[in-house]
Amino acid sequence: MSDRTPWQGWRDRDRENAGLPAAKGAGARRPFGGTWWGKAWLAALERQAQLDPNRLGRGRSYARRGSVLEMVVDPGVVRASVQGSRVTPYVVTVKIRAFDDAEWDAVLDVVSAQIGRVAALLDGELPPELVDDAQAAGLELLPDAGEVRTDCNCPDFAVPCKHSAAVCYLIADALDEDPFEVLLLRGKQKDELLSALRARRSTPTGEPPAIKPKPVGIVAKTAFARTPGPIPIPVRPLNQPGAPTAVQVLEPPRQSGVDGKDLVALATDAARRAWELAAGDGDGGLSLTRDQDLARRASGLLGTPALADLAHRAGLTARQLTSWAVAWREGGAGGLAVATAPPTTDDPDPAAMAEGLTVLDGVVEGNWITAERAQLRLAPDGLWYLFTKQFNDWMLSAPPSPDPAELLGRA
């Protein structure tokens, strides 16, 4: 029984209106192989055509202009009719070695062990981890050049000919559209594969596991009302924050705009903030503004390439975010506020400014005292902050102090 691909009817309506057979893949000069596995298929095709590569360009033209009239994908084989220069279409077959029963048992063992693999396939993604696991079992899900066998009844002796190449480019479209087509080329249809996986995840007796009834639950307020006395104090957490459980993260769909590494970084940061909240060490950053939280995150990335990436995502320069991160590390929210605020136009405390001038003889601008590569800034709360010039940027160089002389002694 054939398993026709979901793109079977592309542009059929246009050709029917013109009184022609339904064509496949017609369109502008569009690329083929939009996914990594589609590109892998085309790479195998190009390696196969190394002896006579000029047929590939003509094959792409055939695919784009709709010369492939019909294409059917069956387990291990693709059959198609391609309109060439003669009236009768040419018959093309593309064969891939199908796995035998023992090899499929190995593949099913790999897939059933990680339910996320199936979820990714159903979501239109072929996870690289599935390919890697199959390789560990000695199998290649994606065929190499030696496994792609093409045949056409045209008189051209090239392998592949332009008609076979056109079909292979449209196979790349099929793989992009549905990664289950990769498994179909290896001999298993989608419903057959899912049925086998369900059987493997059932009980040893072959019966599906019993579904436990969902607990009815109880409203928290009602539960506490039944408990006499005060609400118990939560157990204090460990002496240091933990890390999220190590999991193998599948890359989110490309259209989501989310990076898997970013999810891991945010989960790790959330675990640390939750620990601070549970330990009573602040509010876990819940009261921070956007800029404050950005500076807090950047302070943990100082000296790493990740800081530049974070700056780019936030619309800042790496130098600016580095300045923020250093200010947060040395002075927290107060340090960031002083680092990002211009000199005040209000008259600062004259006595405090006079004290600052006794230890740093420099130019006064509002609440700033600047002398060569050192600068003292007086905050509204009476604390002094010491900045030093580094690569033409003023960087907070020490925690604040009410004594400017102490700050200069640290420098």
Protein backbone atom coordinates (compact mmCIF):
# COMPACT_ATOMS: atom_id res chain seq x y z
CA MET A 1 0.00 0.00 0.00
CA SER A 2 1.47 3.34 -1.02
CA ASP A 3 1.89 6.22 1.37
CA ARG A 4 1.36 9.39 -0.63
CA THR A 5 3.08 12.44 0.73
CA PRO A 6 1.05 15.44 2.02
CA TRP A 7 2.37 17.66 -0.75
CA GLN A 8 0.83 15.38 -3.44
CA GLY A 9 -1.49 18.12 -4.69
CA TRP A 10 0.86 21.11 -4.96
CA ARG A 11 -0.07 23.20 -7.97
CA ASP A 12 -2.44 20.46 -9.23
CA ARG A 13 -5.25 22.96 -9.49
CA ASP A 14 -3.19 25.29 -11.69
CA ARG A 15 -2.39 22.51 -14.12
CA GLU A 16 -5.95 21.21 -14.17
CA ASN A 17 -7.15 24.69 -15.14
CA ALA A 18 -4.72 24.55 -18.08
CA GLY A 19 -5.86 21.05 -19.07
CA LEU A 20 -2.50 19.49 -18.09
CA PRO A 21 -1.61 16.67 -15.70
CA ALA A 22 -0.90 17.70 -12.11
CA ALA A 23 2.67 18.86 -11.70
CA LYS A 24 4.80 18.82 -8.56
CA GLY A 25 7.22 21.37 -7.19
CA ALA A 26 6.58 24.08 -9.78
CA GLY A 27 7.60 27.54 -8.64
CA ALA A 28 10.19 30.29 -8.77
CA ARG A 29 13.90 29.75 -8.21
CA ARG A 30 13.34 28.55 -4.68
CA PRO A 31 15.92 26.56 -2.71
CA PHE A 32 15.57 22.94 -1.70
CA GLY A 33 16.46 21.38 1.63
CA GLY A 34 15.31 23.84 4.27
CA THR A 35 16.03 21.57 7.26
CA TRP A 36 19.30 20.03 8.34
CA TRP A 37 18.08 16.56 7.40
CA GLY A 38 16.85 17.80 4.01
CA LYS A 39 20.31 19.29 3.41
CA ALA A 40 21.88 15.96 4.42
CA TRP A 41 19.79 14.20 1.77
CA LEU A 42 20.91 16.68 -0.89
CA ALA A 43 24.54 16.33 0.22
CA ALA A 44 24.29 12.58 -0.45
CA LEU A 45 22.79 13.32 -3.87
CA GLU A 46 25.59 15.75 -4.73
CA ARG A 47 28.28 13.26 -3.67
CA GLN A 48 26.66 10.65 -5.89
CA ALA A 49 26.72 13.06 -8.85
CA GLN A 50 30.38 14.07 -8.48
CA LEU A 51 31.34 12.34 -11.77
CA ASP A 52 28.68 14.22 -13.74
CA PRO A 53 27.40 17.16 -11.63
CA ASN A 54 25.95 19.19 -14.50
CA ARG A 55 22.75 17.14 -14.33
CA LEU A 56 21.95 18.60 -10.91
CA GLY A 57 21.29 22.11 -12.18
CA ARG A 58 18.97 20.81 -14.89
CA GLY A 59 17.26 18.59 -12.33
CA ARG A 60 16.57 21.61 -10.10
CA SER A 61 15.07 23.42 -13.10
CA TYR A 62 12.84 20.42 -13.84
CA ALA A 63 11.70 20.31 -10.21
CA ARG A 64 10.99 24.05 -10.06
CA ARG A 65 9.00 24.23 -13.27
CA GLY A 66 6.74 21.32 -12.36
CA SER A 67 8.06 18.61 -14.67
CA VAL A 68 7.53 15.96 -11.98
CA LEU A 69 3.92 15.02 -12.67
CA GLU A 70 3.36 12.52 -9.88
CA MET A 71 5.44 11.10 -7.05
CA VAL A 72 4.57 8.31 -4.62
CA VAL A 73 6.67 7.37 -1.59
CA ASP A 74 6.50 3.74 -0.49
CA PRO A 75 8.68 1.98 2.10
CA GLY A 76 12.19 2.00 0.67
CA VAL A 77 11.27 3.34 -2.76
CA VAL A 78 10.01 6.49 -4.48
CA ARG A 79 8.26 6.22 -7.84
CA ALA A 80 7.63 9.22 -10.07
CA SER A 81 6.75 10.25 -13.60
CA VAL A 82 8.71 13.15 -15.09
CA GLN A 83 7.79 15.05 -18.23
CA GLY A 84 10.83 15.38 -20.46
CA SER A 85 11.29 16.29 -24.10
CA ARG A 86 9.16 13.46 -25.43
CA VAL A 87 5.38 13.16 -25.18
CA THR A 88 5.36 10.16 -22.86
CA PRO A 89 6.67 10.96 -19.35
CA TYR A 90 9.76 9.12 -18.13
CA VAL A 91 9.48 6.69 -15.21
CA VAL A 92 11.88 7.29 -12.32
CA THR A 93 12.51 5.16 -9.26
CA VAL A 94 14.70 6.12 -6.29
CA LYS A 95 15.50 3.26 -3.93
CA ILE A 96 16.94 3.34 -0.41
CA ARG A 97 17.97 0.25 1.51
CA ALA A 98 15.19 -0.58 3.95
CA PHE A 99 16.14 -1.83 7.42
CA ASP A 100 15.44 -5.47 8.21
CA ASP A 101 13.44 -6.58 11.27
CA ALA A 102 16.46 -6.81 13.55
CA GLU A 103 17.63 -3.32 12.57
CA TRP A 104 14.17 -1.90 13.13
CA ASP A 105 14.10 -3.50 16.58
CA ALA A 106 17.28 -1.57 17.38
CA VAL A 107 15.78 1.70 16.07
CA LEU A 108 12.55 1.17 18.02
CA ASP A 109 14.54 0.49 21.18
CA VAL A 110 16.28 3.85 20.75
CA VAL A 111 13.09 5.80 19.99
CA SER A 112 10.93 4.24 22.70
CA ALA A 113 13.57 4.94 25.35
CA GLN A 114 13.18 8.70 24.82
CA ILE A 115 9.58 9.86 24.48
CA GLY A 116 10.89 13.29 23.50
CA ARG A 117 12.18 11.82 20.26
CA VAL A 118 8.65 10.87 19.18
CA ALA A 119 7.28 14.24 20.30
CA ALA A 120 9.87 16.02 18.16
CA LEU A 121 8.99 13.89 15.12
CA LEU A 122 5.29 14.63 15.59
CA ASP A 123 6.18 18.32 15.84
CA GLY A 124 7.90 18.18 12.46
CA GLU A 125 11.51 17.98 13.69
CA LEU A 126 14.11 15.25 13.29
CA PRO A 127 16.19 15.51 16.49
CA PRO A 128 19.93 15.06 15.84
CA GLU A 129 20.04 12.96 19.01
CA LEU A 130 17.87 10.32 17.33
CA VAL A 131 20.30 10.09 14.43
CA ASP A 132 23.24 9.91 16.87
CA ASP A 133 21.55 7.15 18.91
CA ALA A 134 20.87 5.15 15.77
CA GLN A 135 24.52 5.55 14.76
CA ALA A 136 25.53 4.24 18.19
CA ALA A 137 23.45 1.16 17.35
CA GLY A 138 25.35 0.82 14.07
CA LEU A 139 22.64 2.24 11.81
CA GLU A 140 22.41 5.32 9.59
CA LEU A 141 18.93 6.83 9.39
CA LEU A 142 20.03 9.31 6.75
CA PRO A 143 21.35 7.48 3.67
CA ASP A 144 24.77 8.22 2.27
CA ALA A 145 25.61 8.56 -1.41
CA GLY A 146 26.17 4.84 -1.88
CA GLU A 147 22.68 3.97 -0.64
CA VAL A 148 20.72 6.27 -2.98
CA ARG A 149 20.04 4.26 -6.13
CA THR A 150 18.26 6.00 -9.00
CA ASP A 151 16.82 4.57 -12.20
CA CYS A 152 15.15 6.23 -15.19
CA ASN A 153 14.03 4.87 -18.57
CA CYS A 154 15.47 7.85 -20.41
CA PRO A 155 18.49 7.32 -22.74
CA ASP A 156 20.85 9.37 -20.52
CA PHE A 157 23.52 7.17 -18.86
CA ALA A 158 24.40 9.78 -16.20
CA VAL A 159 23.75 8.83 -12.55
CA PRO A 160 21.63 10.57 -11.64
CA CYS A 161 20.09 11.88 -14.83
CA LYS A 162 18.25 15.20 -14.79
CA HIS A 163 14.87 13.44 -14.36
CA SER A 164 16.10 11.43 -11.35
CA ALA A 165 17.76 14.54 -9.90
CA ALA A 166 14.45 16.44 -10.14
CA VAL A 167 12.72 13.71 -8.14
CA CYS A 168 15.51 13.71 -5.55
CA TYR A 169 15.13 17.46 -5.04
CA LEU A 170 11.41 16.99 -4.40
CA ILE A 171 12.20 14.18 -1.96
CA ALA A 172 14.12 16.84 -0.01
CA ASP A 173 10.86 18.83 0.12
CA ALA A 174 9.09 15.74 1.47
CA LEU A 175 11.70 15.25 4.18
CA ASP A 176 11.47 18.94 5.14
CA GLU A 177 7.69 18.67 5.40
CA ASP A 178 7.56 15.48 7.48
CA PRO A 179 10.60 13.82 9.12
CA PHE A 180 8.62 10.56 9.30
CA GLU A 181 9.42 10.34 5.57
CA VAL A 182 13.01 9.54 6.57
CA LEU A 183 11.75 6.49 8.44
CA LEU A 184 9.41 5.63 5.56
CA LEU A 185 12.39 5.54 3.20
CA ARG A 186 13.95 3.08 5.63
CA GLY A 187 10.89 0.83 5.43
CA LYS A 188 8.38 1.86 8.14
CA GLN A 189 5.18 3.81 7.57
CA LYS A 190 4.16 6.37 10.18
CA ASP A 191 1.11 4.51 11.57
CA GLU A 192 3.06 1.24 11.67
CA LEU A 193 5.90 2.93 13.53
CA LEU A 194 3.62 4.60 16.09
CA SER A 195 1.74 1.34 16.66
CA ALA A 196 5.02 -0.49 17.33
CA LEU A 197 6.11 2.22 19.76
CA ARG A 198 2.81 2.07 21.65
CA ALA A 199 3.20 -1.70 21.98
CA ARG A 200 6.70 -1.28 23.41
CA ARG A 201 5.56 1.25 25.97
CA SER A 202 2.71 -0.96 27.21
CA THR A 203 2.93 -3.46 30.07
CA PRO A 204 4.84 -6.76 29.65
CA THR A 205 1.53 -8.59 29.26
CA GLY A 206 0.72 -6.51 26.21
CA GLU A 207 -2.11 -4.70 27.96
CA PRO A 208 -1.98 -0.90 28.21
CA PRO A 209 -1.06 0.34 31.68
CA ALA A 210 -4.00 1.13 33.90
CA ILE A 211 -4.87 4.82 34.05
CA LYS A 212 -5.00 6.07 37.60
CA PRO A 213 -7.90 8.37 38.42
CA LYS A 214 -6.87 11.99 38.74
CA PRO A 215 -6.92 13.17 42.39
CA VAL A 216 -9.79 15.48 43.14
CA GLY A 217 -7.57 17.73 45.23
CA ILE A 218 -8.49 20.36 47.80
CA VAL A 219 -8.27 24.13 47.94
CA ALA A 220 -5.16 25.21 49.88
CA LYS A 221 -7.13 27.65 52.06
CA THR A 222 -9.47 24.82 53.11
CA ALA A 223 -6.54 22.52 53.91
CA PHE A 224 -4.87 25.14 56.13
CA ALA A 225 -8.19 25.82 57.87
CA ARG A 226 -8.29 22.18 58.99
CA THR A 227 -4.82 22.40 60.55
CA PRO A 228 -4.79 23.92 64.06
CA GLY A 229 -2.01 26.30 65.01
CA PRO A 230 0.23 28.52 62.88
CA ILE A 231 1.32 27.67 59.37
CA PRO A 232 4.59 25.70 59.58
CA ILE A 233 7.76 27.47 58.53
CA PRO A 234 9.31 25.96 55.40
CA VAL A 235 12.47 23.98 55.89
CA ARG A 236 15.55 26.09 55.22
CA PRO A 237 17.20 25.10 51.94
CA LEU A 238 20.73 23.78 51.53
CA ASN A 239 23.73 26.00 52.10
CA GLN A 240 24.04 26.78 48.40
CA PRO A 241 21.75 26.78 45.39
CA GLY A 242 21.50 23.62 43.35
CA ALA A 243 21.33 23.23 39.61
CA PRO A 244 18.41 22.05 37.47
CA THR A 245 18.36 18.33 36.75
CA ALA A 246 20.55 17.61 33.75
CA VAL A 247 18.24 16.89 30.87
CA GLN A 248 18.83 16.46 27.20
CA VAL A 249 17.21 19.54 25.71
CA LEU A 250 15.75 19.29 22.23
CA GLU A 251 16.10 22.43 20.22
CA PRO A 252 12.80 24.33 20.11
CA PRO A 253 11.17 24.75 16.68
CA ARG A 254 13.04 27.21 14.49
CA GLN A 255 10.01 29.48 14.14
CA SER A 256 9.84 29.96 17.93
CA GLY A 257 12.96 32.15 18.00
CA VAL A 258 13.99 30.42 21.27
CA ASP A 259 17.43 28.86 21.74
CA GLY A 260 17.76 25.67 23.80
CA LYS A 261 20.92 26.93 25.54
CA ASP A 262 19.03 30.05 26.61
CA LEU A 263 16.36 27.89 28.26
CA VAL A 264 19.02 26.01 30.25
CA ALA A 265 20.66 29.29 31.31
CA LEU A 266 17.33 30.78 32.43
CA ALA A 267 16.42 27.61 34.35
CA THR A 268 19.76 27.69 36.16
CA ASP A 269 19.29 31.37 37.00
CA ALA A 270 15.74 30.73 38.23
CA ALA A 271 16.98 27.93 40.52
CA ARG A 272 19.51 30.26 42.12
CA ARG A 273 16.93 33.02 42.59
CA ALA A 274 14.47 30.55 44.10
CA TRP A 275 17.13 29.45 46.55
CA GLU A 276 17.79 33.07 47.56
CA LEU A 277 14.08 33.60 48.11
CA ALA A 278 13.70 30.41 50.17
CA ALA A 279 16.82 31.21 52.21
CA GLY A 280 15.54 34.69 53.04
CA ASP A 281 18.43 36.28 51.19
CA GLY A 282 16.42 39.00 49.44
CA ASP A 283 13.33 38.60 47.28
CA GLY A 284 14.91 36.53 44.54
CA GLY A 285 15.11 39.55 42.27
CA LEU A 286 11.35 39.86 41.93
CA SER A 287 11.45 43.62 42.53
CA LEU A 288 14.19 44.37 40.00
CA THR A 289 13.60 46.56 36.99
CA ARG A 290 14.45 45.36 33.50
CA ASP A 291 17.83 47.15 33.51
CA GLN A 292 18.67 45.97 37.01
CA ASP A 293 17.90 42.36 36.15
CA LEU A 294 19.94 42.70 32.96
CA ALA A 295 22.91 44.00 34.93
CA ARG A 296 22.47 41.22 37.49
CA ARG A 297 22.52 38.54 34.79
CA ALA A 298 25.47 40.17 33.04
CA SER A 299 27.50 40.26 36.27
CA GLY A 300 27.57 36.46 36.18
CA LEU A 301 28.84 36.49 32.59
CA LEU A 302 31.79 38.86 33.01
CA GLY A 303 34.80 37.61 31.07
CA THR A 304 32.77 35.25 28.86
CA PRO A 305 31.55 35.55 25.23
CA ALA A 306 27.99 35.13 26.52
CA LEU A 307 28.00 38.73 27.81
CA ALA A 308 28.43 40.12 24.29
CA ASP A 309 25.57 37.91 23.08
CA LEU A 310 23.35 39.12 25.92
CA ALA A 311 24.22 42.74 25.12
CA HIS A 312 23.30 42.23 21.47
CA ARG A 313 19.94 40.74 22.42
CA ALA A 314 19.28 43.63 24.81
CA GLY A 315 20.19 46.30 22.25
CA LEU A 316 23.30 47.48 24.11
CA THR A 317 26.98 47.55 23.28
CA ALA A 318 29.19 45.01 25.01
CA ARG A 319 31.18 47.84 26.65
CA GLN A 320 28.03 49.44 28.05
CA LEU A 321 26.70 46.18 29.48
CA THR A 322 30.14 45.37 30.91
CA SER A 323 30.05 48.68 32.76
CA TRP A 324 26.60 47.85 34.10
CA ALA A 325 27.71 44.36 35.15
CA VAL A 326 30.75 45.67 37.05
CA ALA A 327 28.60 48.32 38.76
CA TRP A 328 26.13 45.63 39.84
CA ARG A 329 28.87 43.33 41.09
CA GLU A 330 30.46 46.07 43.20
CA GLY A 331 27.43 48.05 44.34
CA GLY A 332 24.17 46.28 43.46
CA ALA A 333 21.19 48.42 42.52
CA GLY A 334 22.77 51.53 44.12
CA GLY A 335 25.98 51.06 42.16
CA LEU A 336 24.07 50.67 38.89
CA ALA A 337 22.03 53.81 39.59
CA VAL A 338 25.16 55.87 40.24
CA ALA A 339 26.95 54.39 37.22
CA THR A 340 24.13 55.24 34.81
CA ALA A 341 23.09 58.65 36.18
CA PRO A 342 24.66 61.88 34.86
CA PRO A 343 26.10 64.47 37.26
CA THR A 344 23.30 65.93 39.34
CA THR A 345 22.11 69.45 38.64
CA ASP A 346 21.00 69.83 42.27
CA ASP A 347 23.49 71.16 44.77
CA PRO A 348 25.00 68.18 46.62
CA ASP A 349 25.83 68.34 50.32
CA PRO A 350 28.58 71.02 50.54
CA ALA A 351 30.23 69.43 53.59
CA ALA A 352 30.39 66.03 51.93
CA MET A 353 31.79 67.49 48.71
CA ALA A 354 34.40 69.42 50.72
CA GLU A 355 35.43 66.17 52.39
CA GLY A 356 35.75 64.53 49.00
CA LEU A 357 37.93 67.36 47.69
CA THR A 358 40.35 66.93 50.59
CA VAL A 359 41.16 63.40 49.43
CA LEU A 360 40.86 63.90 45.67
CA ASP A 361 41.91 67.30 44.36
CA GLY A 362 40.06 67.49 41.07
CA VAL A 363 37.37 69.12 38.97
CA VAL A 364 33.87 69.31 40.49
CA GLU A 365 30.86 68.68 38.28
CA GLY A 366 27.66 68.40 40.26
CA ASN A 367 28.20 65.44 42.60
CA TRP A 368 31.30 64.21 40.70
CA ILE A 369 34.95 64.93 41.54
CA THR A 370 37.30 63.96 38.72
CA ALA A 371 41.11 63.92 38.76
CA GLU A 372 42.89 62.24 35.85
CA ARG A 373 41.90 58.51 35.96
CA ALA A 374 40.00 58.56 39.28
CA GLN A 375 36.52 59.84 39.99
CA LEU A 376 34.44 60.07 43.17
CA ARG A 377 30.65 60.22 42.90
CA LEU A 378 28.43 61.15 45.84
CA ALA A 379 25.09 59.29 45.95
CA PRO A 380 21.92 60.83 47.41
CA ASP A 381 22.19 58.50 50.42
CA GLY A 382 25.58 59.99 51.37
CA LEU A 383 27.71 57.08 50.15
CA TRP A 384 30.74 57.62 47.95
CA TYR A 385 31.46 55.51 44.87
CA LEU A 386 34.94 55.28 43.35
CA PHE A 387 35.22 54.98 39.55
CA THR A 388 38.45 54.47 37.62
CA LYS A 389 39.00 55.03 33.91
CA GLN A 390 39.57 51.84 31.94
CA PHE A 391 39.88 52.00 28.16
CA ASN A 392 38.12 55.38 28.13
CA ASP A 393 35.18 54.02 30.18
CA TRP A 394 34.47 54.87 33.81
CA MET A 395 34.09 51.63 35.80
CA LEU A 396 32.98 51.25 39.39
CA SER A 397 36.04 49.82 41.10
CA ALA A 398 34.97 49.15 44.70
CA PRO A 399 31.92 48.80 46.93
CA PRO A 400 30.58 52.12 48.25
CA SER A 401 31.72 53.73 51.48
CA PRO A 402 30.76 56.81 53.52
CA ASP A 403 34.50 57.59 53.77
CA PRO A 404 36.08 58.78 50.47
CA ALA A 405 39.57 58.40 51.93
CA GLU A 406 38.90 54.71 52.55
CA LEU A 407 37.86 54.26 48.92
CA LEU A 408 41.01 55.89 47.59
CA GLY A 409 43.05 53.73 49.96
CA ARG A 410 41.61 50.60 48.28
CA ALA A 411 42.50 51.84 44.78
